[in-house]
Amino acid sequence: MDYGGSYGRVGLNMLPTTYQHGVRIWIDPSREDDEVMGPMVNPLAQALHTLIRPTPQIAFDIQRGGLTMDAPGAAAFTGFMAKYGSEIRFRNGVILRDVQVNVQPAMPYADGLAQERYIGFALVSQDGQPLKRSRRAMLALVSSSFNTGFKLGQDNNGRAVAGELPVQVARVRATVIAPMLTGMRYTLRDWHMQAIGTGVVGAEGALKIPADRPVWIIELQRP
């Protein structure tokens, strides 16, 4: 290893290559040279692209700051919803819209972060079937959380105040449109996995997620 450059000039290619293709490192003590087996992405060429697609189901949008996963058995998004407009549409028919992040007053959220609507969303099959045939699925929609009294480092000294219980959670309101979920029974569960609400997904697969209750996950079951 040319440690001054971490594998020399070849090392510069490791980050973009890992993002697109993954990486396995084999250390051979009997060798002094490096060998790359498989594709390699040049970082200068990579800098020209803002959308990375390691597989047809995964899209990493550098410019807008979003990671999307879209497959027959899953629809997921993590990132800044405001950069994507009013809704996100997945190829499998799922639509995420009407997203709003409700920040608790005591949370040390960065200014404007609530307006950027940073979220983590996932609707996934739990029985290995595509969502349109799944009998069990789970949905999660979250943003962020902090201990009460948590403070970031002051005066650039790098130290932070950990805070204490209770945890302040930024709740997320949204509407999920998923026709394949029509008629499925749902259970809202809080952070302690206690049931806090039940119902049946209505016509056209519309499921409204409230922000006035501490929803952690939503379990879905087909009758």
C-alpha atoms as a PDB file:
ATOM      1  CA  MET A   1       0.000   0.000   0.000  1.00  0.00           C
ATOM      2  CA  ASP A   2       1.208   3.476  -0.917  1.00  0.00           C
ATOM      3  CA  TYR A   3      -0.235   4.867   2.299  1.00  0.00           C
ATOM      4  CA  GLY A   4       0.352   8.505   1.389  1.00  0.00           C
ATOM      5  CA  GLY A   5      -2.476   8.131  -1.104  1.00  0.00           C
ATOM      6  CA  SER A   6      -4.182   5.039   0.310  1.00  0.00           C
ATOM      7  CA  TYR A   7      -3.451   2.491  -2.439  1.00  0.00           C
ATOM      8  CA  GLY A   8      -1.847   5.178  -4.577  1.00  0.00           C
ATOM      9  CA  ARG A   9      -3.714   6.644  -7.522  1.00  0.00           C
ATOM     10  CA  VAL A  10      -5.824   3.500  -7.729  1.00  0.00           C
ATOM     11  CA  GLY A  11      -7.238   4.398  -4.319  1.00  0.00           C
ATOM     12  CA  LEU A  12      -8.857   7.519  -5.737  1.00  0.00           C
ATOM     13  CA  ASN A  13     -11.171   5.272  -7.713  1.00  0.00           C
ATOM     14  CA  MET A  14     -12.306   3.234  -4.724  1.00  0.00           C
ATOM     15  CA  LEU A  15     -15.047   5.538  -3.424  1.00  0.00           C
ATOM     16  CA  PRO A  16     -17.026   6.013  -6.669  1.00  0.00           C
ATOM     17  CA  THR A  17     -16.455   2.364  -7.619  1.00  0.00           C
ATOM     18  CA  THR A  18     -17.802   1.186  -4.261  1.00  0.00           C
ATOM     19  CA  TYR A  19     -20.897   3.368  -4.623  1.00  0.00           C
ATOM     20  CA  GLN A  20     -21.732   1.885  -8.017  1.00  0.00           C
ATOM     21  CA  HIS A  21     -20.483  -1.686  -7.854  1.00  0.00           C
ATOM     22  CA  GLY A  22     -19.554  -2.537  -4.269  1.00  0.00           C
ATOM     23  CA  VAL A  23     -16.061  -3.666  -3.278  1.00  0.00           C
ATOM     24  CA  ARG A  24     -14.203  -6.604  -1.757  1.00  0.00           C
ATOM     25  CA  ILE A  25     -10.607  -6.187  -0.598  1.00  0.00           C
ATOM     26  CA  TRP A  26      -8.243  -9.154  -0.545  1.00  0.00           C
ATOM     27  CA  ILE A  27      -4.972  -8.581   1.292  1.00  0.00           C
ATOM     28  CA  ASP A  28      -2.136 -10.804   0.056  1.00  0.00           C
ATOM     29  CA  PRO A  29       0.999 -10.400   2.262  1.00  0.00           C
ATOM     30  CA  SER A  30       3.143 -12.002  -0.459  1.00  0.00           C
ATOM     31  CA  ARG A  31       2.508  -9.167  -2.929  1.00  0.00           C
ATOM     32  CA  GLU A  32       3.629  -5.552  -3.023  1.00  0.00           C
ATOM     33  CA  ASP A  33       1.584  -4.436  -6.030  1.00  0.00           C
ATOM     34  CA  ASP A  34      -2.152  -3.781  -6.345  1.00  0.00           C
ATOM     35  CA  GLU A  35      -4.531  -5.413  -8.795  1.00  0.00           C
ATOM     36  CA  VAL A  36      -8.110  -4.443  -9.585  1.00  0.00           C
ATOM     37  CA  MET A  37     -10.426  -7.262 -10.660  1.00  0.00           C
ATOM     38  CA  GLY A  38     -13.631  -6.003 -12.196  1.00  0.00           C
ATOM     39  CA  PRO A  39     -14.980  -2.578 -13.173  1.00  0.00           C
ATOM     40  CA  MET A  40     -13.418   0.643 -11.896  1.00  0.00           C
ATOM     41  CA  VAL A  41     -14.949   4.130 -11.954  1.00  0.00           C
ATOM     42  CA  ASN A  42     -12.739   7.134 -12.547  1.00  0.00           C
ATOM     43  CA  PRO A  43     -13.476   9.845  -9.927  1.00  0.00           C
ATOM     44  CA  LEU A  44     -13.149  12.659 -12.466  1.00  0.00           C
ATOM     45  CA  ALA A  45     -15.732  11.034 -14.707  1.00  0.00           C
ATOM     46  CA  GLN A  46     -17.893  10.290 -11.673  1.00  0.00           C
ATOM     47  CA  ALA A  47     -17.900  13.952 -10.695  1.00  0.00           C
ATOM     48  CA  LEU A  48     -19.839  14.712 -13.878  1.00  0.00           C
ATOM     49  CA  HIS A  49     -22.751  12.502 -12.841  1.00  0.00           C
ATOM     50  CA  THR A  50     -25.333  13.368 -10.197  1.00  0.00           C
ATOM     51  CA  LEU A  51     -27.405  10.171 -10.418  1.00  0.00           C
ATOM     52  CA  ILE A  52     -25.789   6.869  -9.473  1.00  0.00           C
ATOM     53  CA  ARG A  53     -27.613   3.624 -10.286  1.00  0.00           C
ATOM     54  CA  PRO A  54     -25.714   0.595  -8.968  1.00  0.00           C
ATOM     55  CA  THR A  55     -28.745  -1.564  -9.887  1.00  0.00           C
ATOM     56  CA  PRO A  56     -32.021  -0.854 -11.720  1.00  0.00           C
ATOM     57  CA  GLN A  57     -33.777  -0.818  -8.318  1.00  0.00           C
ATOM     58  CA  ILE A  58     -31.484   1.722  -6.620  1.00  0.00           C
ATOM     59  CA  ALA A  59     -30.955   5.407  -7.451  1.00  0.00           C
ATOM     60  CA  PHE A  60     -28.650   7.718  -5.485  1.00  0.00           C
ATOM     61  CA  ASP A  61     -29.277  11.335  -6.494  1.00  0.00           C
ATOM     62  CA  ILE A  62     -26.250  13.354  -5.378  1.00  0.00           C
ATOM     63  CA  GLN A  63     -27.620  16.678  -6.609  1.00  0.00           C
ATOM     64  CA  ARG A  64     -30.929  16.481  -4.729  1.00  0.00           C
ATOM     65  CA  GLY A  65     -29.727  14.384  -1.792  1.00  0.00           C
ATOM     66  CA  GLY A  66     -32.002  11.368  -2.055  1.00  0.00           C
ATOM     67  CA  LEU A  67     -31.692   7.588  -2.083  1.00  0.00           C
ATOM     68  CA  THR A  68     -34.579   5.741  -3.753  1.00  0.00           C
ATOM     69  CA  MET A  69     -35.202   1.992  -3.791  1.00  0.00           C
ATOM     70  CA  ASP A  70     -37.917   0.756  -6.126  1.00  0.00           C
ATOM     71  CA  ALA A  71     -38.637  -2.949  -6.568  1.00  0.00           C
ATOM     72  CA  PRO A  72     -41.766  -5.133  -6.830  1.00  0.00           C
ATOM     73  CA  GLY A  73     -41.549  -5.927  -3.116  1.00  0.00           C
ATOM     74  CA  ALA A  74     -40.399  -2.565  -1.770  1.00  0.00           C
ATOM     75  CA  ALA A  75     -40.650   1.190  -2.148  1.00  0.00           C
ATOM     76  CA  ALA A  76     -38.233   3.285  -0.104  1.00  0.00           C
ATOM     77  CA  PHE A  77     -36.859   6.832  -0.050  1.00  0.00           C
ATOM     78  CA  THR A  78     -34.446   8.660   2.235  1.00  0.00           C
ATOM     79  CA  GLY A  79     -33.549  12.274   1.642  1.00  0.00           C
ATOM     80  CA  PHE A  80     -34.806  15.820   1.260  1.00  0.00           C
ATOM     81  CA  MET A  81     -38.395  15.559   0.076  1.00  0.00           C
ATOM     82  CA  ALA A  82     -38.592  19.270  -0.764  1.00  0.00           C
ATOM     83  CA  LYS A  83     -36.052  18.736  -3.566  1.00  0.00           C
ATOM     84  CA  TYR A  84     -38.421  16.238  -5.194  1.00  0.00           C
ATOM     85  CA  GLY A  85     -41.543  18.380  -5.283  1.00  0.00           C
ATOM     86  CA  SER A  86     -44.951  17.477  -3.868  1.00  0.00           C
ATOM     87  CA  GLU A  87     -44.746  13.710  -4.354  1.00  0.00           C
ATOM     88  CA  ILE A  88     -42.571  10.725  -5.188  1.00  0.00           C
ATOM     89  CA  ARG A  89     -43.869   8.068  -7.573  1.00  0.00           C
ATOM     90  CA  PHE A  90     -42.440   4.554  -7.627  1.00  0.00           C
ATOM     91  CA  ARG A  91     -42.571   2.208 -10.616  1.00  0.00           C
ATOM     92  CA  ASN A  92     -44.395  -0.410  -8.536  1.00  0.00           C
ATOM     93  CA  GLY A  93     -47.385   1.938  -8.205  1.00  0.00           C
ATOM     94  CA  VAL A  94     -46.709   3.449  -4.763  1.00  0.00           C
ATOM     95  CA  ILE A  95     -47.048   7.229  -4.377  1.00  0.00           C
ATOM     96  CA  LEU A  96     -45.820   9.272  -1.390  1.00  0.00           C
ATOM     97  CA  ARG A  97     -47.370  12.741  -1.069  1.00  0.00           C
ATOM     98  CA  ASP A  98     -48.577  15.458   1.349  1.00  0.00           C
ATOM     99  CA  VAL A  99     -45.421  15.097   3.447  1.00  0.00           C
ATOM    100  CA  GLN A 100     -44.989  17.420   6.425  1.00  0.00           C
ATOM    101  CA  VAL A 101     -42.427  17.227   9.228  1.00  0.00           C
ATOM    102  CA  ASN A 102     -43.688  18.463  12.611  1.00  0.00           C
ATOM    103  CA  VAL A 103     -40.726  19.447  14.773  1.00  0.00           C
ATOM    104  CA  GLN A 104     -41.167  19.583  18.550  1.00  0.00           C
ATOM    105  CA  PRO A 105     -40.250  23.024  20.030  1.00  0.00           C
ATOM    106  CA  ALA A 106     -37.507  21.537  22.224  1.00  0.00           C
ATOM    107  CA  MET A 107     -35.688  19.840  19.339  1.00  0.00           C
ATOM    108  CA  PRO A 108     -32.367  21.363  18.203  1.00  0.00           C
ATOM    109  CA  TYR A 109     -33.346  21.072  14.550  1.00  0.00           C
ATOM    110  CA  ALA A 110     -31.232  23.091  12.140  1.00  0.00           C
ATOM    111  CA  ASP A 111     -32.977  26.170  10.767  1.00  0.00           C
ATOM    112  CA  GLY A 112     -34.988  25.332   7.693  1.00  0.00           C
ATOM    113  CA  LEU A 113     -34.561  21.563   8.015  1.00  0.00           C
ATOM    114  CA  ALA A 114     -38.249  21.006   8.634  1.00  0.00           C
ATOM    115  CA  GLN A 115     -39.024  22.888   5.424  1.00  0.00           C
ATOM    116  CA  GLU A 116     -36.562  20.674   3.541  1.00  0.00           C
ATOM    117  CA  ARG A 117     -38.597  17.706   4.840  1.00  0.00           C
ATOM    118  CA  TYR A 118     -35.788  15.247   5.490  1.00  0.00           C
ATOM    119  CA  ILE A 119     -37.458  11.846   5.846  1.00  0.00           C
ATOM    120  CA  GLY A 120     -36.928   8.106   5.770  1.00  0.00           C
ATOM    121  CA  PHE A 121     -39.802   6.176   4.139  1.00  0.00           C
ATOM    122  CA  ALA A 122     -40.180   2.461   3.436  1.00  0.00           C
ATOM    123  CA  LEU A 123     -43.043   0.219   2.409  1.00  0.00           C
ATOM    124  CA  VAL A 124     -41.856  -3.391   2.187  1.00  0.00           C
ATOM    125  CA  SER A 125     -43.334  -6.846   1.760  1.00  0.00           C
ATOM    126  CA  GLN A 126     -42.707  -9.158   4.706  1.00  0.00           C
ATOM    127  CA  ASP A 127     -43.482 -12.489   3.078  1.00  0.00           C
ATOM    128  CA  GLY A 128     -41.123 -12.369   0.112  1.00  0.00           C
ATOM    129  CA  GLN A 129     -43.880 -11.595  -2.379  1.00  0.00           C
ATOM    130  CA  PRO A 130     -44.288  -8.492  -4.559  1.00  0.00           C
ATOM    131  CA  LEU A 131     -46.412  -5.879  -2.832  1.00  0.00           C
ATOM    132  CA  LYS A 132     -49.350  -6.587  -5.147  1.00  0.00           C
ATOM    133  CA  ARG A 133     -49.484 -10.191  -3.869  1.00  0.00           C
ATOM    134  CA  SER A 134     -48.122  -9.742  -0.367  1.00  0.00           C
ATOM    135  CA  ARG A 135     -50.309 -10.715   2.578  1.00  0.00           C
ATOM    136  CA  ARG A 136     -48.047  -9.024   5.144  1.00  0.00           C
ATOM    137  CA  ALA A 137     -46.259  -5.715   4.748  1.00  0.00           C
ATOM    138  CA  MET A 138     -44.772  -2.994   6.904  1.00  0.00           C
ATOM    139  CA  LEU A 139     -44.556   0.756   6.472  1.00  0.00           C
ATOM    140  CA  ALA A 140     -42.246   3.214   8.238  1.00  0.00           C
ATOM    141  CA  LEU A 141     -42.038   6.992   7.916  1.00  0.00           C
ATOM    142  CA  VAL A 142     -39.682   8.931  10.187  1.00  0.00           C
ATOM    143  CA  SER A 143     -37.500  12.039  10.255  1.00  0.00           C
ATOM    144  CA  SER A 144     -35.258  12.541  13.293  1.00  0.00           C
ATOM    145  CA  SER A 145     -35.112  12.564  17.091  1.00  0.00           C
ATOM    146  CA  PHE A 146     -33.040  14.090  19.892  1.00  0.00           C
ATOM    147  CA  ASN A 147     -32.767  13.727  23.655  1.00  0.00           C
ATOM    148  CA  THR A 148     -34.390  16.566  25.587  1.00  0.00           C
ATOM    149  CA  GLY A 149     -31.708  19.169  26.184  1.00  0.00           C
ATOM    150  CA  PHE A 150     -29.356  17.830  23.524  1.00  0.00           C
ATOM    151  CA  LYS A 151     -26.987  20.495  22.214  1.00  0.00           C
ATOM    152  CA  LEU A 152     -24.440  20.397  19.476  1.00  0.00           C
ATOM    153  CA  GLY A 153     -20.841  21.440  20.154  1.00  0.00           C
ATOM    154  CA  GLN A 154     -20.583  25.011  21.350  1.00  0.00           C
ATOM    155  CA  ASP A 155     -17.920  27.500  20.201  1.00  0.00           C
ATOM    156  CA  ASN A 156     -16.497  24.925  17.800  1.00  0.00           C
ATOM    157  CA  ASN A 157     -14.978  22.929  20.664  1.00  0.00           C
ATOM    158  CA  GLY A 158     -16.479  19.697  19.368  1.00  0.00           C
ATOM    159  CA  ARG A 159     -18.194  18.836  22.657  1.00  0.00           C
ATOM    160  CA  ALA A 160     -21.915  18.252  22.874  1.00  0.00           C
ATOM    161  CA  VAL A 161     -24.502  17.936  25.642  1.00  0.00           C
ATOM    162  CA  ALA A 162     -26.082  14.479  25.459  1.00  0.00           C
ATOM    163  CA  GLY A 163     -29.367  15.524  27.043  1.00  0.00           C
ATOM    164  CA  GLU A 164     -31.798  13.176  28.776  1.00  0.00           C
ATOM    165  CA  LEU A 165     -35.181  11.493  28.494  1.00  0.00           C
ATOM    166  CA  PRO A 166     -37.766  11.929  27.144  1.00  0.00           C
ATOM    167  CA  VAL A 167     -36.696  11.705  23.522  1.00  0.00           C
ATOM    168  CA  GLN A 168     -38.125  14.426  21.295  1.00  0.00           C
ATOM    169  CA  VAL A 169     -39.303  12.971  17.970  1.00  0.00           C
ATOM    170  CA  ALA A 170     -40.059  14.877  14.771  1.00  0.00           C
ATOM    171  CA  ARG A 171     -43.275  13.258  13.593  1.00  0.00           C
ATOM    172  CA  VAL A 172     -44.103  12.984   9.917  1.00  0.00           C
ATOM    173  CA  ARG A 173     -47.500  13.351   8.311  1.00  0.00           C
ATOM    174  CA  ALA A 174     -48.097  11.987   4.817  1.00  0.00           C
ATOM    175  CA  THR A 175     -50.445  10.198   2.464  1.00  0.00           C
ATOM    176  CA  VAL A 176     -49.402   6.932   0.872  1.00  0.00           C
ATOM    177  CA  ILE A 177     -51.282   5.830  -2.243  1.00  0.00           C
ATOM    178  CA  ALA A 178     -50.766   2.132  -2.941  1.00  0.00           C
ATOM    179  CA  PRO A 179     -53.641   0.417  -4.792  1.00  0.00           C
ATOM    180  CA  MET A 180     -52.271  -3.021  -3.907  1.00  0.00           C
ATOM    181  CA  LEU A 181     -52.931  -2.279  -0.217  1.00  0.00           C
ATOM    182  CA  THR A 182     -56.675  -1.700  -0.642  1.00  0.00           C
ATOM    183  CA  GLY A 183     -58.626  -3.667   1.945  1.00  0.00           C
ATOM    184  CA  MET A 184     -55.599  -4.566   4.079  1.00  0.00           C
ATOM    185  CA  ARG A 185     -55.971  -4.133   7.831  1.00  0.00           C
ATOM    186  CA  TYR A 186     -53.390  -1.868   9.436  1.00  0.00           C
ATOM    187  CA  THR A 187     -52.083  -1.376  12.971  1.00  0.00           C
ATOM    188  CA  LEU A 188     -50.249   1.768  14.058  1.00  0.00           C
ATOM    189  CA  ARG A 189     -47.473   1.069  16.578  1.00  0.00           C
ATOM    190  CA  ASP A 190     -45.466   3.487  18.690  1.00  0.00           C
ATOM    191  CA  TRP A 191     -41.787   3.364  19.669  1.00  0.00           C
ATOM    192  CA  HIS A 192     -42.584   0.729  22.333  1.00  0.00           C
ATOM    193  CA  MET A 193     -44.413  -1.416  19.730  1.00  0.00           C
ATOM    194  CA  GLN A 194     -47.720  -0.763  21.469  1.00  0.00           C
ATOM    195  CA  ALA A 195     -50.780  -0.588  19.216  1.00  0.00           C
ATOM    196  CA  ILE A 196     -52.133   2.965  19.096  1.00  0.00           C
ATOM    197  CA  GLY A 197     -54.600   2.659  16.247  1.00  0.00           C
ATOM    198  CA  THR A 198     -56.163   0.264  13.749  1.00  0.00           C
ATOM    199  CA  GLY A 199     -58.133   0.467  10.541  1.00  0.00           C
ATOM    200  CA  VAL A 200     -58.584  -0.736   6.969  1.00  0.00           C
ATOM    201  CA  VAL A 201     -56.862   0.797   3.938  1.00  0.00           C
ATOM    202  CA  GLY A 202     -59.557   2.540   1.945  1.00  0.00           C
ATOM    203  CA  ALA A 203     -60.411   2.787  -1.707  1.00  0.00           C
ATOM    204  CA  GLU A 204     -57.555   3.330  -4.168  1.00  0.00           C
ATOM    205  CA  GLY A 205     -55.125   2.229  -1.442  1.00  0.00           C
ATOM    206  CA  ALA A 206     -55.022   5.614   0.289  1.00  0.00           C
ATOM    207  CA  LEU A 207     -53.466   5.515   3.752  1.00  0.00           C
ATOM    208  CA  LYS A 208     -53.082   8.739   5.739  1.00  0.00           C
ATOM    209  CA  ILE A 209     -50.319   8.777   8.338  1.00  0.00           C
ATOM    210  CA  PRO A 210     -51.081  11.246  11.155  1.00  0.00           C
ATOM    211  CA  ALA A 211     -48.581  13.440  12.967  1.00  0.00           C
ATOM    212  CA  ASP A 212     -50.686  13.885  16.123  1.00  0.00           C
ATOM    213  CA  ARG A 213     -49.745  10.386  17.355  1.00  0.00           C
ATOM    214  CA  PRO A 214     -46.281   8.847  17.925  1.00  0.00           C
ATOM    215  CA  VAL A 215     -46.379   6.473  14.958  1.00  0.00           C
ATOM    216  CA  TRP A 216     -43.227   4.378  14.574  1.00  0.00           C
ATOM    217  CA  ILE A 217     -44.303   1.651  12.150  1.00  0.00           C
ATOM    218  CA  ILE A 218     -47.515   0.504  10.480  1.00  0.00           C
ATOM    219  CA  GLU A 219     -48.164  -3.215  10.145  1.00  0.00           C
ATOM    220  CA  LEU A 220     -50.384  -4.330   7.249  1.00  0.00           C
ATOM    221  CA  GLN A 221     -52.206  -7.666   7.018  1.00  0.00           C
ATOM    222  CA  ARG A 222     -54.471  -8.962   4.292  1.00  0.00           C
ATOM    223  CA  PRO A 223     -57.687 -10.555   5.662  1.00  0.00           C
END
